[in-house]
Amino acid sequence: MNEAQKCSECGGKLETGFIPDISMAAAFKTSWHRGEADDKTILDYVKYGPGLKYDRSKVIAIQAFRCTQCGLLKMYANPSTSD
């Protein structure tokens, strides 16, 4: 994505940013995951703790842009930007 892009709603300038996924221990870049969320079983909670089960190979980092005029957020999950 190009930072000089224009907003599709008002024509304003889009600025690059990210949406942090904040946990108790750290902050991470928000990601997109293919498929439906798979809730953990009670045994998974005991073994791995709270949260969702996920396949790390299916995670793609989200690149976010915000319009400086109207505040519209546009997000892209481009495989070439994955972490």
N, C-alpha and C. Protein backbone atom coordinates (compact mmCIF):
# COMPACT_ATOMS: atom_id res chain seq x y z
N MET A 1 0.84 -1.19 0.00
CA MET A 1 0.00 0.00 0.00
C MET A 1 0.88 1.25 0.00
N ASN A 2 0.33 2.26 -0.57
CA ASN A 2 1.06 3.51 -0.70
C ASN A 2 0.46 4.54 0.26
N GLU A 3 1.31 5.19 1.05
CA GLU A 3 0.84 6.15 2.05
C GLU A 3 0.16 7.36 1.40
N ALA A 4 0.46 7.65 0.12
CA ALA A 4 -0.11 8.81 -0.56
C ALA A 4 -1.51 8.53 -1.10
N GLN A 5 -2.08 7.37 -0.81
CA GLN A 5 -3.43 7.05 -1.27
C GLN A 5 -4.45 8.03 -0.71
N LYS A 6 -5.55 8.15 -1.44
CA LYS A 6 -6.65 9.02 -1.02
C LYS A 6 -7.78 8.19 -0.41
N CYS A 7 -8.48 8.79 0.53
CA CYS A 7 -9.64 8.18 1.18
C CYS A 7 -10.77 8.00 0.18
N SER A 8 -11.40 6.83 0.18
CA SER A 8 -12.50 6.56 -0.74
C SER A 8 -13.79 7.30 -0.33
N GLU A 9 -13.87 7.78 0.90
CA GLU A 9 -15.07 8.48 1.38
C GLU A 9 -15.01 9.99 1.13
N CYS A 10 -13.87 10.62 1.49
CA CYS A 10 -13.81 12.08 1.41
C CYS A 10 -12.65 12.62 0.58
N GLY A 11 -11.76 11.75 0.13
CA GLY A 11 -10.61 12.20 -0.67
C GLY A 11 -9.43 12.68 0.16
N GLY A 12 -9.53 12.57 1.48
CA GLY A 12 -8.43 13.00 2.35
C GLY A 12 -7.22 12.07 2.25
N LYS A 13 -6.14 12.48 2.87
CA LYS A 13 -4.89 11.71 2.84
C LYS A 13 -4.98 10.55 3.83
N LEU A 14 -4.50 9.36 3.42
CA LEU A 14 -4.43 8.20 4.31
C LEU A 14 -3.05 8.13 4.94
N GLU A 15 -3.03 7.96 6.26
CA GLU A 15 -1.75 7.79 6.95
C GLU A 15 -1.62 6.34 7.41
N THR A 16 -0.39 5.84 7.39
CA THR A 16 -0.10 4.47 7.79
C THR A 16 -0.11 4.34 9.30
N GLY A 17 -0.62 3.22 9.80
CA GLY A 17 -0.61 2.95 11.23
C GLY A 17 -0.84 1.47 11.48
N PHE A 18 -1.12 1.12 12.72
CA PHE A 18 -1.42 -0.27 13.06
C PHE A 18 -2.35 -0.30 14.25
N ILE A 19 -3.00 -1.44 14.45
CA ILE A 19 -3.91 -1.62 15.57
C ILE A 19 -3.26 -2.62 16.51
N PRO A 20 -2.76 -2.19 17.66
CA PRO A 20 -2.09 -3.12 18.56
C PRO A 20 -3.07 -4.09 19.22
N ASP A 21 -2.66 -5.32 19.31
CA ASP A 21 -3.41 -6.36 20.02
C ASP A 21 -2.73 -6.45 21.39
N ILE A 22 -3.33 -5.87 22.40
CA ILE A 22 -2.68 -5.70 23.69
C ILE A 22 -3.10 -6.81 24.66
N SER A 23 -2.09 -7.48 25.21
CA SER A 23 -2.35 -8.50 26.22
C SER A 23 -1.75 -8.01 27.53
N MET A 24 -1.77 -8.84 28.55
CA MET A 24 -1.21 -8.44 29.84
C MET A 24 0.31 -8.32 29.78
N ALA A 25 0.97 -9.07 28.90
CA ALA A 25 2.42 -9.12 28.88
C ALA A 25 3.06 -8.29 27.77
N ALA A 26 2.35 -8.05 26.66
CA ALA A 26 2.96 -7.37 25.52
C ALA A 26 1.90 -6.87 24.56
N ALA A 27 2.35 -6.12 23.55
CA ALA A 27 1.48 -5.68 22.47
C ALA A 27 2.00 -6.27 21.16
N PHE A 28 1.08 -6.70 20.30
CA PHE A 28 1.43 -7.31 19.04
C PHE A 28 0.63 -6.64 17.92
N LYS A 29 1.07 -6.80 16.66
CA LYS A 29 0.29 -6.31 15.53
C LYS A 29 -0.92 -7.21 15.37
N THR A 30 -2.08 -6.60 15.11
CA THR A 30 -3.29 -7.36 14.85
C THR A 30 -3.12 -8.14 13.55
N SER A 31 -3.67 -9.35 13.51
CA SER A 31 -3.51 -10.21 12.35
C SER A 31 -4.85 -10.75 11.88
N TRP A 32 -4.87 -11.25 10.66
CA TRP A 32 -6.03 -11.91 10.07
C TRP A 32 -5.72 -13.39 9.98
N HIS A 33 -6.73 -14.23 10.22
CA HIS A 33 -6.55 -15.68 10.18
C HIS A 33 -7.66 -16.28 9.31
N ARG A 34 -7.29 -17.09 8.35
CA ARG A 34 -8.26 -17.77 7.47
C ARG A 34 -9.12 -18.73 8.26
N GLY A 35 -10.40 -18.83 7.93
CA GLY A 35 -11.29 -19.81 8.54
C GLY A 35 -12.07 -19.27 9.74
N GLU A 36 -12.82 -20.15 10.35
CA GLU A 36 -13.62 -19.81 11.52
C GLU A 36 -12.80 -19.94 12.80
N ALA A 37 -13.16 -19.18 13.82
CA ALA A 37 -12.50 -19.29 15.13
C ALA A 37 -12.84 -20.65 15.73
N ASP A 38 -11.86 -21.29 16.33
CA ASP A 38 -12.03 -22.61 16.93
C ASP A 38 -11.85 -22.47 18.44
N ASP A 39 -12.96 -22.48 19.17
CA ASP A 39 -12.88 -22.34 20.62
C ASP A 39 -12.13 -23.52 21.24
N LYS A 40 -11.44 -23.23 22.33
CA LYS A 40 -10.70 -24.27 23.04
C LYS A 40 -11.63 -25.13 23.89
N THR A 41 -11.22 -26.34 24.12
CA THR A 41 -11.94 -27.21 25.05
C THR A 41 -11.42 -26.92 26.45
N ILE A 42 -12.06 -27.42 27.46
CA ILE A 42 -11.61 -27.21 28.84
C ILE A 42 -10.20 -27.76 29.04
N LEU A 43 -9.86 -28.85 28.37
CA LEU A 43 -8.51 -29.40 28.49
C LEU A 43 -7.47 -28.47 27.85
N ASP A 44 -7.85 -27.78 26.76
CA ASP A 44 -6.94 -26.81 26.14
C ASP A 44 -6.66 -25.65 27.10
N TYR A 45 -7.68 -25.20 27.85
CA TYR A 45 -7.48 -24.12 28.82
C TYR A 45 -6.47 -24.53 29.89
N VAL A 46 -6.59 -25.75 30.36
CA VAL A 46 -5.67 -26.24 31.39
C VAL A 46 -4.25 -26.31 30.84
N LYS A 47 -4.11 -26.80 29.61
CA LYS A 47 -2.80 -27.00 29.01
C LYS A 47 -2.17 -25.71 28.47
N TYR A 48 -2.97 -24.85 27.77
CA TYR A 48 -2.42 -23.69 27.06
C TYR A 48 -2.87 -22.34 27.59
N GLY A 49 -3.86 -22.30 28.45
CA GLY A 49 -4.36 -21.02 28.94
C GLY A 49 -5.51 -20.49 28.09
N PRO A 50 -6.01 -19.28 28.39
CA PRO A 50 -7.17 -18.73 27.68
C PRO A 50 -6.82 -18.28 26.26
N GLY A 51 -7.84 -18.05 25.46
CA GLY A 51 -7.65 -17.57 24.09
C GLY A 51 -8.18 -18.55 23.07
N LEU A 52 -7.92 -18.25 21.80
CA LEU A 52 -8.36 -19.09 20.70
C LEU A 52 -7.22 -19.98 20.21
N LYS A 53 -7.59 -21.15 19.70
CA LYS A 53 -6.60 -21.98 19.01
C LYS A 53 -6.38 -21.36 17.64
N TYR A 54 -5.14 -21.37 17.16
CA TYR A 54 -4.87 -20.86 15.82
C TYR A 54 -3.66 -21.55 15.22
N ASP A 55 -3.58 -21.48 13.90
CA ASP A 55 -2.48 -22.05 13.15
C ASP A 55 -1.57 -20.90 12.71
N ARG A 56 -0.40 -20.81 13.27
CA ARG A 56 0.52 -19.71 13.01
C ARG A 56 0.79 -19.55 11.51
N SER A 57 0.76 -20.65 10.74
CA SER A 57 1.05 -20.56 9.30
C SER A 57 -0.08 -19.86 8.53
N LYS A 58 -1.25 -19.68 9.15
CA LYS A 58 -2.38 -19.02 8.50
C LYS A 58 -2.54 -17.56 8.91
N VAL A 59 -1.63 -17.03 9.70
CA VAL A 59 -1.74 -15.67 10.21
C VAL A 59 -1.07 -14.68 9.25
N ILE A 60 -1.80 -13.61 8.91
CA ILE A 60 -1.27 -12.55 8.06
C ILE A 60 -1.44 -11.22 8.81
N ALA A 61 -0.35 -10.47 8.95
CA ALA A 61 -0.40 -9.18 9.65
C ALA A 61 -1.31 -8.22 8.90
N ILE A 62 -2.03 -7.40 9.65
CA ILE A 62 -2.92 -6.40 9.05
C ILE A 62 -2.18 -5.07 8.95
N GLN A 63 -2.26 -4.47 7.76
CA GLN A 63 -1.72 -3.12 7.56
C GLN A 63 -2.91 -2.18 7.58
N ALA A 64 -2.85 -1.13 8.38
CA ALA A 64 -3.99 -0.23 8.56
C ALA A 64 -3.65 1.18 8.10
N PHE A 65 -4.66 1.87 7.56
CA PHE A 65 -4.53 3.26 7.14
C PHE A 65 -5.71 4.03 7.70
N ARG A 66 -5.47 5.30 8.10
CA ARG A 66 -6.52 6.16 8.65
C ARG A 66 -6.55 7.46 7.88
N CYS A 67 -7.77 7.88 7.51
CA CYS A 67 -7.92 9.16 6.82
C CYS A 67 -7.72 10.29 7.82
N THR A 68 -6.88 11.26 7.47
CA THR A 68 -6.59 12.37 8.37
C THR A 68 -7.75 13.37 8.45
N GLN A 69 -8.71 13.28 7.51
CA GLN A 69 -9.86 14.21 7.53
C GLN A 69 -11.09 13.61 8.19
N CYS A 70 -11.53 12.42 7.75
CA CYS A 70 -12.79 11.87 8.27
C CYS A 70 -12.59 10.72 9.25
N GLY A 71 -11.38 10.18 9.37
CA GLY A 71 -11.10 9.12 10.34
C GLY A 71 -11.39 7.71 9.85
N LEU A 72 -11.82 7.55 8.59
CA LEU A 72 -12.11 6.22 8.06
C LEU A 72 -10.86 5.34 8.18
N LEU A 73 -11.06 4.09 8.63
CA LEU A 73 -9.97 3.12 8.69
C LEU A 73 -10.10 2.14 7.53
N LYS A 74 -8.98 1.88 6.85
CA LYS A 74 -8.92 0.86 5.80
C LYS A 74 -7.86 -0.13 6.24
N MET A 75 -8.18 -1.42 6.18
CA MET A 75 -7.23 -2.45 6.60
C MET A 75 -7.02 -3.45 5.48
N TYR A 76 -5.78 -3.89 5.33
CA TYR A 76 -5.41 -4.86 4.31
C TYR A 76 -4.61 -5.98 4.95
N ALA A 77 -4.88 -7.20 4.52
CA ALA A 77 -4.12 -8.37 4.96
C ALA A 77 -3.38 -8.91 3.75
N ASN A 78 -2.24 -8.33 3.48
CA ASN A 78 -1.43 -8.67 2.31
C ASN A 78 -0.37 -9.67 2.72
N PRO A 79 -0.34 -10.87 2.14
CA PRO A 79 0.65 -11.88 2.53
C PRO A 79 2.09 -11.41 2.47
N SER A 80 2.40 -10.45 1.61
CA SER A 80 3.78 -9.98 1.52
C SER A 80 4.19 -9.13 2.71
N THR A 81 3.21 -8.68 3.54
CA THR A 81 3.53 -7.88 4.72
C THR A 81 3.42 -8.69 6.00
N SER A 82 3.23 -10.01 5.90
CA SER A 82 3.03 -10.82 7.11
C SER A 82 4.32 -10.91 7.92
N ASP A 83 4.14 -11.10 9.24
CA ASP A 83 5.29 -11.20 10.17
C ASP A 83 5.42 -12.61 10.66
